């Protein structure tokens, strides 16, 4: 029997938060601010951890949800005066890299895919197909821009110009976030904001990450061999585990798989 001594100092604790998947999709396990908020609050508070480590494996997704999650992490880190470390697995691209930048330091594997600091909007045009099948598209709006980029109508030059302006503004927000978080660690001689991706070693050379390392050995290096870990991840609701919302989760899974596939994963 082990006697618990109240005055015996415990080894440091690191809270490990897993952020895996596409950001902002509708599936049960998708990453969004509402789902992650309670988990992040517990991670920063429970057991008075010495640090929070983020396990990131995300191809990106919603820019707004990426911003909300990242901002929450920074608020909690400031409130608790706690360092945050990000450890990238397969990929931290686009919104996934936005989340990584919420950490004070970013570490990755040699083969991790990082970057994709850009914004994309994809759709389709079906008006020719509909016309060939004898369908007539009827759209009535109040406000000339309400039907902007309707996929069942011919593309308008002014709509494309307007969309590119919106994408440009979001891109600039992304650039500002990366520059604020990475500062002078970034290679100022390279254009890092074209949407390109890099593997771990090259990302380190460009200042997008701090080095090549894995979570456990790096945390042992920082906090000692006896450092303790407490893990946090998204819990799937009971009903979703037995088949309820199956169609919604299946569709979200297909979208997520497509997002990862963009990076060869």
C-alpha atoms as a PDB file:
ATOM      1  CA  UNK A   1       0.000   0.000   0.000  1.00  0.00           C
ATOM      2  CA  UNK A   2       1.309   3.428  -0.953  1.00  0.00           C
ATOM      3  CA  UNK A   3       0.914   6.238   1.542  1.00  0.00           C
ATOM      4  CA  UNK A   4      -0.038   9.550  -0.078  1.00  0.00           C
ATOM      5  CA  UNK A   5       1.975  12.359   1.471  1.00  0.00           C
ATOM      6  CA  UNK A   6       0.286  15.749   1.013  1.00  0.00           C
ATOM      7  CA  UNK A   7       3.585  17.622   1.216  1.00  0.00           C
ATOM      8  CA  UNK A   8       5.334  15.465  -1.393  1.00  0.00           C
ATOM      9  CA  UNK A   9       5.776  17.448  -4.595  1.00  0.00           C
ATOM     10  CA  UNK A  10       4.341  15.800  -7.713  1.00  0.00           C
ATOM     11  CA  UNK A  11       6.193  15.808 -11.039  1.00  0.00           C
ATOM     12  CA  UNK A  12       5.053  18.515 -13.498  1.00  0.00           C
ATOM     13  CA  UNK A  13       1.855  17.887 -15.443  1.00  0.00           C
ATOM     14  CA  UNK A  14       1.386  18.609 -19.151  1.00  0.00           C
ATOM     15  CA  UNK A  15      -2.170  18.719 -20.531  1.00  0.00           C
ATOM     16  CA  UNK A  16      -2.275  17.207 -24.025  1.00  0.00           C
ATOM     17  CA  UNK A  17      -5.122  18.431 -26.263  1.00  0.00           C
ATOM     18  CA  UNK A  18      -5.742  16.525 -29.480  1.00  0.00           C
ATOM     19  CA  UNK A  19      -6.914  18.640 -32.436  1.00  0.00           C
ATOM     20  CA  UNK A  20      -7.448  16.168 -35.265  1.00  0.00           C
ATOM     21  CA  UNK A  21      -9.636  16.563 -38.337  1.00  0.00           C
ATOM     22  CA  UNK A  22     -11.073  19.240 -40.585  1.00  0.00           C
ATOM     23  CA  UNK A  23     -12.119  22.495 -38.952  1.00  0.00           C
ATOM     24  CA  UNK A  24     -15.759  23.593 -38.883  1.00  0.00           C
ATOM     25  CA  UNK A  25     -17.473  20.630 -40.580  1.00  0.00           C
ATOM     26  CA  UNK A  26     -20.837  19.350 -39.366  1.00  0.00           C
ATOM     27  CA  UNK A  27     -19.748  15.879 -38.173  1.00  0.00           C
ATOM     28  CA  UNK A  28     -19.729  14.857 -34.514  1.00  0.00           C
ATOM     29  CA  UNK A  29     -15.940  14.879 -34.269  1.00  0.00           C
ATOM     30  CA  UNK A  30     -15.331  18.074 -36.230  1.00  0.00           C
ATOM     31  CA  UNK A  31     -13.216  20.821 -34.734  1.00  0.00           C
ATOM     32  CA  UNK A  32     -15.160  23.960 -33.885  1.00  0.00           C
ATOM     33  CA  UNK A  33     -15.058  26.484 -31.068  1.00  0.00           C
ATOM     34  CA  UNK A  34     -18.311  25.383 -29.441  1.00  0.00           C
ATOM     35  CA  UNK A  35     -17.219  21.745 -29.227  1.00  0.00           C
ATOM     36  CA  UNK A  36     -13.681  22.492 -28.077  1.00  0.00           C
ATOM     37  CA  UNK A  37     -14.441  25.234 -25.530  1.00  0.00           C
ATOM     38  CA  UNK A  38     -15.216  22.976 -22.499  1.00  0.00           C
ATOM     39  CA  UNK A  39     -12.286  20.683 -23.294  1.00  0.00           C
ATOM     40  CA  UNK A  40      -9.822  23.563 -23.571  1.00  0.00           C
ATOM     41  CA  UNK A  41     -11.102  25.107 -20.339  1.00  0.00           C
ATOM     42  CA  UNK A  42     -10.493  21.809 -18.484  1.00  0.00           C
ATOM     43  CA  UNK A  43      -7.065  21.342 -20.046  1.00  0.00           C
ATOM     44  CA  UNK A  44      -5.798  24.714 -18.852  1.00  0.00           C
ATOM     45  CA  UNK A  45      -7.325  24.446 -15.367  1.00  0.00           C
ATOM     46  CA  UNK A  46      -7.501  20.853 -14.181  1.00  0.00           C
ATOM     47  CA  UNK A  47      -4.556  19.797 -12.039  1.00  0.00           C
ATOM     48  CA  UNK A  48      -2.635  23.066 -12.497  1.00  0.00           C
ATOM     49  CA  UNK A  49      -0.570  21.919 -15.496  1.00  0.00           C
ATOM     50  CA  UNK A  50       2.862  23.347 -16.198  1.00  0.00           C
ATOM     51  CA  UNK A  51       2.045  23.589 -19.904  1.00  0.00           C
ATOM     52  CA  UNK A  52      -0.474  22.660 -22.577  1.00  0.00           C
ATOM     53  CA  UNK A  53       0.616  20.627 -25.595  1.00  0.00           C
ATOM     54  CA  UNK A  54      -1.492  20.613 -28.762  1.00  0.00           C
ATOM     55  CA  UNK A  55      -1.431  17.479 -30.920  1.00  0.00           C
ATOM     56  CA  UNK A  56      -2.389  18.832 -34.347  1.00  0.00           C
ATOM     57  CA  UNK A  57      -3.370  16.835 -37.409  1.00  0.00           C
ATOM     58  CA  UNK A  58      -5.597  19.028 -39.570  1.00  0.00           C
ATOM     59  CA  UNK A  59      -5.784  19.996 -43.256  1.00  0.00           C
ATOM     60  CA  UNK A  60      -7.697  23.177 -42.381  1.00  0.00           C
ATOM     61  CA  UNK A  61     -11.276  24.281 -42.910  1.00  0.00           C
ATOM     62  CA  UNK A  62     -13.311  27.250 -41.757  1.00  0.00           C
ATOM     63  CA  UNK A  63     -11.218  30.433 -41.332  1.00  0.00           C
ATOM     64  CA  UNK A  64     -13.656  31.776 -38.743  1.00  0.00           C
ATOM     65  CA  UNK A  65     -13.604  28.628 -36.594  1.00  0.00           C
ATOM     66  CA  UNK A  66      -9.806  28.508 -36.898  1.00  0.00           C
ATOM     67  CA  UNK A  67      -9.641  32.084 -35.625  1.00  0.00           C
ATOM     68  CA  UNK A  68     -12.109  31.465 -32.786  1.00  0.00           C
ATOM     69  CA  UNK A  69     -10.293  28.357 -31.560  1.00  0.00           C
ATOM     70  CA  UNK A  70      -6.884  30.007 -31.829  1.00  0.00           C
ATOM     71  CA  UNK A  71      -8.090  33.100 -29.981  1.00  0.00           C
ATOM     72  CA  UNK A  72      -9.552  30.952 -27.182  1.00  0.00           C
ATOM     73  CA  UNK A  73      -6.241  29.143 -26.750  1.00  0.00           C
ATOM     74  CA  UNK A  74      -4.389  32.463 -26.518  1.00  0.00           C
ATOM     75  CA  UNK A  75      -6.885  33.892 -23.986  1.00  0.00           C
ATOM     76  CA  UNK A  76      -6.529  30.845 -21.750  1.00  0.00           C
ATOM     77  CA  UNK A  77      -2.745  30.846 -22.081  1.00  0.00           C
ATOM     78  CA  UNK A  78      -2.598  34.510 -21.054  1.00  0.00           C
ATOM     79  CA  UNK A  79      -5.113  34.077 -18.225  1.00  0.00           C
ATOM     80  CA  UNK A  80      -3.192  31.144 -16.713  1.00  0.00           C
ATOM     81  CA  UNK A  81       0.274  32.426 -17.686  1.00  0.00           C
ATOM     82  CA  UNK A  82       0.962  29.060 -19.275  1.00  0.00           C
ATOM     83  CA  UNK A  83       3.205  28.087 -22.206  1.00  0.00           C
ATOM     84  CA  UNK A  84       1.590  26.281 -25.143  1.00  0.00           C
ATOM     85  CA  UNK A  85       3.454  23.902 -27.429  1.00  0.00           C
ATOM     86  CA  UNK A  86       2.149  22.546 -30.738  1.00  0.00           C
ATOM     87  CA  UNK A  87       3.218  19.171 -32.107  1.00  0.00           C
ATOM     88  CA  UNK A  88       2.263  18.509 -35.718  1.00  0.00           C
ATOM     89  CA  UNK A  89       1.560  14.969 -36.902  1.00  0.00           C
ATOM     90  CA  UNK A  90       0.759  14.364 -40.600  1.00  0.00           C
ATOM     91  CA  UNK A  91      -0.374  17.858 -41.471  1.00  0.00           C
ATOM     92  CA  UNK A  92      -0.977  21.359 -40.149  1.00  0.00           C
ATOM     93  CA  UNK A  93      -2.065  23.203 -43.266  1.00  0.00           C
ATOM     94  CA  UNK A  94      -4.262  26.238 -43.847  1.00  0.00           C
ATOM     95  CA  UNK A  95      -6.522  26.455 -40.762  1.00  0.00           C
ATOM     96  CA  UNK A  96      -4.492  23.656 -39.181  1.00  0.00           C
ATOM     97  CA  UNK A  97      -1.413  25.857 -39.337  1.00  0.00           C
ATOM     98  CA  UNK A  98      -3.479  28.753 -37.953  1.00  0.00           C
ATOM     99  CA  UNK A  99      -4.133  26.569 -34.873  1.00  0.00           C
ATOM    100  CA  UNK A 100      -0.450  25.661 -34.614  1.00  0.00           C
ATOM    101  CA  UNK A 101       0.412  29.364 -34.545  1.00  0.00           C
ATOM    102  CA  UNK A 102      -1.703  29.742 -31.408  1.00  0.00           C
ATOM    103  CA  UNK A 103       1.149  27.944 -29.618  1.00  0.00           C
ATOM    104  CA  UNK A 104       4.319  29.628 -28.383  1.00  0.00           C
ATOM    105  CA  UNK A 105       6.426  26.980 -30.111  1.00  0.00           C
ATOM    106  CA  UNK A 106       5.685  24.630 -33.024  1.00  0.00           C
ATOM    107  CA  UNK A 107       7.391  21.262 -33.412  1.00  0.00           C
ATOM    108  CA  UNK A 108       6.886  18.702 -36.186  1.00  0.00           C
ATOM    109  CA  UNK A 109       8.099  15.446 -37.698  1.00  0.00           C
ATOM    110  CA  UNK A 110      10.532  15.461 -40.621  1.00  0.00           C
ATOM    111  CA  UNK A 111       7.692  14.369 -42.926  1.00  0.00           C
ATOM    112  CA  UNK A 112       4.932  16.600 -41.538  1.00  0.00           C
ATOM    113  CA  UNK A 113       3.221  18.835 -44.116  1.00  0.00           C
ATOM    114  CA  UNK A 114       2.963  22.481 -43.068  1.00  0.00           C
ATOM    115  CA  UNK A 115       1.884  25.823 -44.448  1.00  0.00           C
ATOM    116  CA  UNK A 116      -0.777  26.393 -47.104  1.00  0.00           C
ATOM    117  CA  UNK A 117      -1.128  29.977 -45.896  1.00  0.00           C
ATOM    118  CA  UNK A 118      -3.823  30.944 -48.355  1.00  0.00           C
ATOM    119  CA  UNK A 119      -7.579  30.909 -48.913  1.00  0.00           C
ATOM    120  CA  UNK A 120      -9.601  28.869 -51.392  1.00  0.00           C
ATOM    121  CA  UNK A 121     -13.181  28.921 -52.645  1.00  0.00           C
ATOM    122  CA  UNK A 122     -14.391  26.113 -54.918  1.00  0.00           C
ATOM    123  CA  UNK A 123     -17.716  25.605 -56.660  1.00  0.00           C
ATOM    124  CA  UNK A 124     -19.038  24.330 -59.993  1.00  0.00           C
ATOM    125  CA  UNK A 125     -21.010  25.565 -62.997  1.00  0.00           C
ATOM    126  CA  UNK A 126     -24.006  23.559 -64.182  1.00  0.00           C
ATOM    127  CA  UNK A 127     -25.857  26.058 -66.358  1.00  0.00           C
ATOM    128  CA  UNK A 128     -24.756  24.459 -69.655  1.00  0.00           C
ATOM    129  CA  UNK A 129     -25.867  21.012 -68.511  1.00  0.00           C
ATOM    130  CA  UNK A 130     -29.255  22.353 -67.384  1.00  0.00           C
ATOM    131  CA  UNK A 131     -29.801  24.141 -70.696  1.00  0.00           C
ATOM    132  CA  UNK A 132     -29.022  20.979 -72.653  1.00  0.00           C
ATOM    133  CA  UNK A 133     -31.537  19.051 -70.574  1.00  0.00           C
ATOM    134  CA  UNK A 134     -34.220  21.650 -71.212  1.00  0.00           C
ATOM    135  CA  UNK A 135     -34.269  23.180 -67.711  1.00  0.00           C
ATOM    136  CA  UNK A 136     -34.882  26.891 -67.269  1.00  0.00           C
ATOM    137  CA  UNK A 137     -33.314  28.523 -64.218  1.00  0.00           C
ATOM    138  CA  UNK A 138     -35.597  31.044 -62.457  1.00  0.00           C
ATOM    139  CA  UNK A 139     -34.144  33.196 -59.678  1.00  0.00           C
ATOM    140  CA  UNK A 140     -35.726  36.288 -58.126  1.00  0.00           C
ATOM    141  CA  UNK A 141     -33.848  38.440 -55.617  1.00  0.00           C
ATOM    142  CA  UNK A 142     -34.136  41.708 -53.749  1.00  0.00           C
ATOM    143  CA  UNK A 143     -30.597  43.051 -53.948  1.00  0.00           C
ATOM    144  CA  UNK A 144     -28.506  42.647 -57.087  1.00  0.00           C
ATOM    145  CA  UNK A 145     -25.743  40.675 -55.358  1.00  0.00           C
ATOM    146  CA  UNK A 146     -27.987  38.194 -53.547  1.00  0.00           C
ATOM    147  CA  UNK A 147     -27.479  35.484 -56.190  1.00  0.00           C
ATOM    148  CA  UNK A 148     -23.716  36.024 -56.482  1.00  0.00           C
ATOM    149  CA  UNK A 149     -21.937  33.014 -58.014  1.00  0.00           C
ATOM    150  CA  UNK A 150     -25.104  30.954 -58.369  1.00  0.00           C
ATOM    151  CA  UNK A 151     -23.721  27.644 -59.771  1.00  0.00           C
ATOM    152  CA  UNK A 152     -26.795  27.200 -61.980  1.00  0.00           C
ATOM    153  CA  UNK A 153     -26.294  30.526 -63.757  1.00  0.00           C
ATOM    154  CA  UNK A 154     -23.462  31.775 -65.997  1.00  0.00           C
ATOM    155  CA  UNK A 155     -20.528  33.240 -64.042  1.00  0.00           C
ATOM    156  CA  UNK A 156     -20.408  37.050 -63.927  1.00  0.00           C
ATOM    157  CA  UNK A 157     -17.133  38.966 -64.015  1.00  0.00           C
ATOM    158  CA  UNK A 158     -18.252  41.354 -61.275  1.00  0.00           C
ATOM    159  CA  UNK A 159     -19.131  38.428 -58.994  1.00  0.00           C
ATOM    160  CA  UNK A 160     -15.668  36.920 -59.432  1.00  0.00           C
ATOM    161  CA  UNK A 161     -14.055  40.289 -58.694  1.00  0.00           C
ATOM    162  CA  UNK A 162     -16.136  40.630 -55.538  1.00  0.00           C
ATOM    163  CA  UNK A 163     -15.261  37.101 -54.390  1.00  0.00           C
ATOM    164  CA  UNK A 164     -11.548  37.655 -54.957  1.00  0.00           C
ATOM    165  CA  UNK A 165     -11.780  40.770 -52.807  1.00  0.00           C
ATOM    166  CA  UNK A 166     -13.324  38.758 -49.959  1.00  0.00           C
ATOM    167  CA  UNK A 167     -10.711  36.013 -50.293  1.00  0.00           C
ATOM    168  CA  UNK A 168      -7.960  38.632 -50.311  1.00  0.00           C
ATOM    169  CA  UNK A 169      -9.223  40.136 -47.052  1.00  0.00           C
ATOM    170  CA  UNK A 170      -9.345  36.726 -45.344  1.00  0.00           C
ATOM    171  CA  UNK A 171      -5.860  35.944 -46.668  1.00  0.00           C
ATOM    172  CA  UNK A 172      -4.542  39.170 -45.180  1.00  0.00           C
ATOM    173  CA  UNK A 173      -6.045  38.228 -41.802  1.00  0.00           C
ATOM    174  CA  UNK A 174      -4.210  34.901 -42.028  1.00  0.00           C
ATOM    175  CA  UNK A 175      -0.920  36.596 -42.918  1.00  0.00           C
ATOM    176  CA  UNK A 176      -1.284  39.044 -40.040  1.00  0.00           C
ATOM    177  CA  UNK A 177      -1.946  36.198 -37.587  1.00  0.00           C
ATOM    178  CA  UNK A 178       1.145  34.248 -38.705  1.00  0.00           C
ATOM    179  CA  UNK A 179       3.391  37.318 -38.575  1.00  0.00           C
ATOM    180  CA  UNK A 180       2.140  38.290 -35.121  1.00  0.00           C
ATOM    181  CA  UNK A 181       2.658  34.814 -33.704  1.00  0.00           C
ATOM    182  CA  UNK A 182       5.944  33.849 -35.436  1.00  0.00           C
ATOM    183  CA  UNK A 183       7.530  37.300 -35.546  1.00  0.00           C
ATOM    184  CA  UNK A 184      11.176  37.520 -36.531  1.00  0.00           C
ATOM    185  CA  UNK A 185      11.473  33.722 -36.611  1.00  0.00           C
ATOM    186  CA  UNK A 186      10.035  33.872 -40.142  1.00  0.00           C
ATOM    187  CA  UNK A 187      12.450  34.003 -43.083  1.00  0.00           C
ATOM    188  CA  UNK A 188      11.891  37.519 -44.402  1.00  0.00           C
ATOM    189  CA  UNK A 189      13.606  36.723 -47.714  1.00  0.00           C
ATOM    190  CA  UNK A 190      10.973  34.151 -48.758  1.00  0.00           C
ATOM    191  CA  UNK A 191       7.340  34.628 -49.778  1.00  0.00           C
ATOM    192  CA  UNK A 192       5.647  32.285 -47.320  1.00  0.00           C
ATOM    193  CA  UNK A 193       2.072  33.301 -48.096  1.00  0.00           C
ATOM    194  CA  UNK A 194       1.434  31.835 -51.557  1.00  0.00           C
ATOM    195  CA  UNK A 195      -0.489  28.788 -50.298  1.00  0.00           C
ATOM    196  CA  UNK A 196       2.538  26.514 -50.778  1.00  0.00           C
ATOM    197  CA  UNK A 197       3.285  23.672 -48.335  1.00  0.00           C
ATOM    198  CA  UNK A 198       6.613  22.376 -47.019  1.00  0.00           C
ATOM    199  CA  UNK A 199       7.877  19.343 -45.119  1.00  0.00           C
ATOM    200  CA  UNK A 200       9.234  19.603 -41.579  1.00  0.00           C
ATOM    201  CA  UNK A 201      12.924  20.388 -42.155  1.00  0.00           C
ATOM    202  CA  UNK A 202      12.228  23.021 -44.810  1.00  0.00           C
ATOM    203  CA  UNK A 203       9.462  24.535 -42.663  1.00  0.00           C
ATOM    204  CA  UNK A 204      12.011  24.810 -39.843  1.00  0.00           C
ATOM    205  CA  UNK A 205      14.497  26.585 -42.119  1.00  0.00           C
ATOM    206  CA  UNK A 206      11.771  29.056 -43.144  1.00  0.00           C
ATOM    207  CA  UNK A 207      10.824  29.759 -39.530  1.00  0.00           C
ATOM    208  CA  UNK A 208       7.343  28.291 -39.797  1.00  0.00           C
ATOM    209  CA  UNK A 209       8.204  25.859 -36.988  1.00  0.00           C
ATOM    210  CA  UNK A 210      10.816  25.827 -34.238  1.00  0.00           C
ATOM    211  CA  UNK A 211      12.290  22.425 -34.953  1.00  0.00           C
ATOM    212  CA  UNK A 212      11.901  18.695 -35.420  1.00  0.00           C
ATOM    213  CA  UNK A 213      10.674  16.917 -32.280  1.00  0.00           C
ATOM    214  CA  UNK A 214       7.976  14.629 -30.919  1.00  0.00           C
ATOM    215  CA  UNK A 215       5.730  15.380 -27.978  1.00  0.00           C
ATOM    216  CA  UNK A 216       6.891  13.058 -25.190  1.00  0.00           C
ATOM    217  CA  UNK A 217      10.678  13.435 -25.538  1.00  0.00           C
ATOM    218  CA  UNK A 218      10.421  17.207 -26.015  1.00  0.00           C
ATOM    219  CA  UNK A 219       8.256  17.605 -22.919  1.00  0.00           C
ATOM    220  CA  UNK A 220      10.606  15.355 -20.937  1.00  0.00           C
ATOM    221  CA  UNK A 221      13.465  17.562 -22.080  1.00  0.00           C
ATOM    222  CA  UNK A 222      11.618  20.658 -20.840  1.00  0.00           C
ATOM    223  CA  UNK A 223       9.991  19.335 -17.653  1.00  0.00           C
ATOM    224  CA  UNK A 224      12.026  16.274 -16.651  1.00  0.00           C
ATOM    225  CA  UNK A 225      11.808  12.537 -17.250  1.00  0.00           C
ATOM    226  CA  UNK A 226       9.024  12.112 -14.698  1.00  0.00           C
ATOM    227  CA  UNK A 227       6.663  14.614 -16.340  1.00  0.00           C
ATOM    228  CA  UNK A 228       3.044  13.458 -16.263  1.00  0.00           C
ATOM    229  CA  UNK A 229       0.558  13.718 -19.134  1.00  0.00           C
ATOM    230  CA  UNK A 230      -3.208  14.179 -19.033  1.00  0.00           C
ATOM    231  CA  UNK A 231      -4.939  13.765 -22.392  1.00  0.00           C
ATOM    232  CA  UNK A 232      -8.019  15.548 -23.710  1.00  0.00           C
ATOM    233  CA  UNK A 233      -9.939  14.822 -26.913  1.00  0.00           C
ATOM    234  CA  UNK A 234     -13.386  15.325 -28.417  1.00  0.00           C
ATOM    235  CA  UNK A 235     -15.889  12.872 -27.004  1.00  0.00           C
ATOM    236  CA  UNK A 236     -18.452  11.586 -29.472  1.00  0.00           C
ATOM    237  CA  UNK A 237     -22.045  11.678 -28.150  1.00  0.00           C
ATOM    238  CA  UNK A 238     -23.528   8.294 -27.218  1.00  0.00           C
ATOM    239  CA  UNK A 239     -26.247   8.437 -29.896  1.00  0.00           C
ATOM    240  CA  UNK A 240     -23.741   9.113 -32.653  1.00  0.00           C
ATOM    241  CA  UNK A 241     -21.775   6.043 -31.620  1.00  0.00           C
ATOM    242  CA  UNK A 242     -24.741   3.722 -32.147  1.00  0.00           C
ATOM    243  CA  UNK A 243     -25.772   5.044 -35.548  1.00  0.00           C
ATOM    244  CA  UNK A 244     -27.840   8.190 -34.974  1.00  0.00           C
ATOM    245  CA  UNK A 245     -26.657  11.011 -37.302  1.00  0.00           C
ATOM    246  CA  UNK A 246     -24.941   8.325 -39.386  1.00  0.00           C
ATOM    247  CA  UNK A 247     -25.622  10.036 -42.730  1.00  0.00           C
ATOM    248  CA  UNK A 248     -24.397  13.413 -41.489  1.00  0.00           C
ATOM    249  CA  UNK A 249     -21.227  11.897 -40.049  1.00  0.00           C
ATOM    250  CA  UNK A 250     -20.614   9.891 -43.248  1.00  0.00           C
ATOM    251  CA  UNK A 251     -20.874  13.025 -45.403  1.00  0.00           C
ATOM    252  CA  UNK A 252     -18.575  14.936 -43.056  1.00  0.00           C
ATOM    253  CA  UNK A 253     -16.136  12.035 -43.221  1.00  0.00           C
ATOM    254  CA  UNK A 254     -16.062  12.184 -47.020  1.00  0.00           C
ATOM    255  CA  UNK A 255     -15.417  15.943 -46.941  1.00  0.00           C
ATOM    256  CA  UNK A 256     -12.664  15.487 -44.359  1.00  0.00           C
ATOM    257  CA  UNK A 257     -11.050  12.674 -46.359  1.00  0.00           C
ATOM    258  CA  UNK A 258     -11.019  14.931 -49.432  1.00  0.00           C
ATOM    259  CA  UNK A 259      -9.384  17.716 -47.423  1.00  0.00           C
ATOM    260  CA  UNK A 260      -6.571  15.411 -46.259  1.00  0.00           C
ATOM    261  CA  UNK A 261      -6.183  14.010 -49.785  1.00  0.00           C
ATOM    262  CA  UNK A 262      -5.153  17.459 -51.053  1.00  0.00           C
ATOM    263  CA  UNK A 263      -1.856  16.899 -49.216  1.00  0.00           C
ATOM    264  CA  UNK A 264      -1.353  13.301 -50.344  1.00  0.00           C
ATOM    265  CA  UNK A 265      -2.598  11.865 -47.038  1.00  0.00           C
END
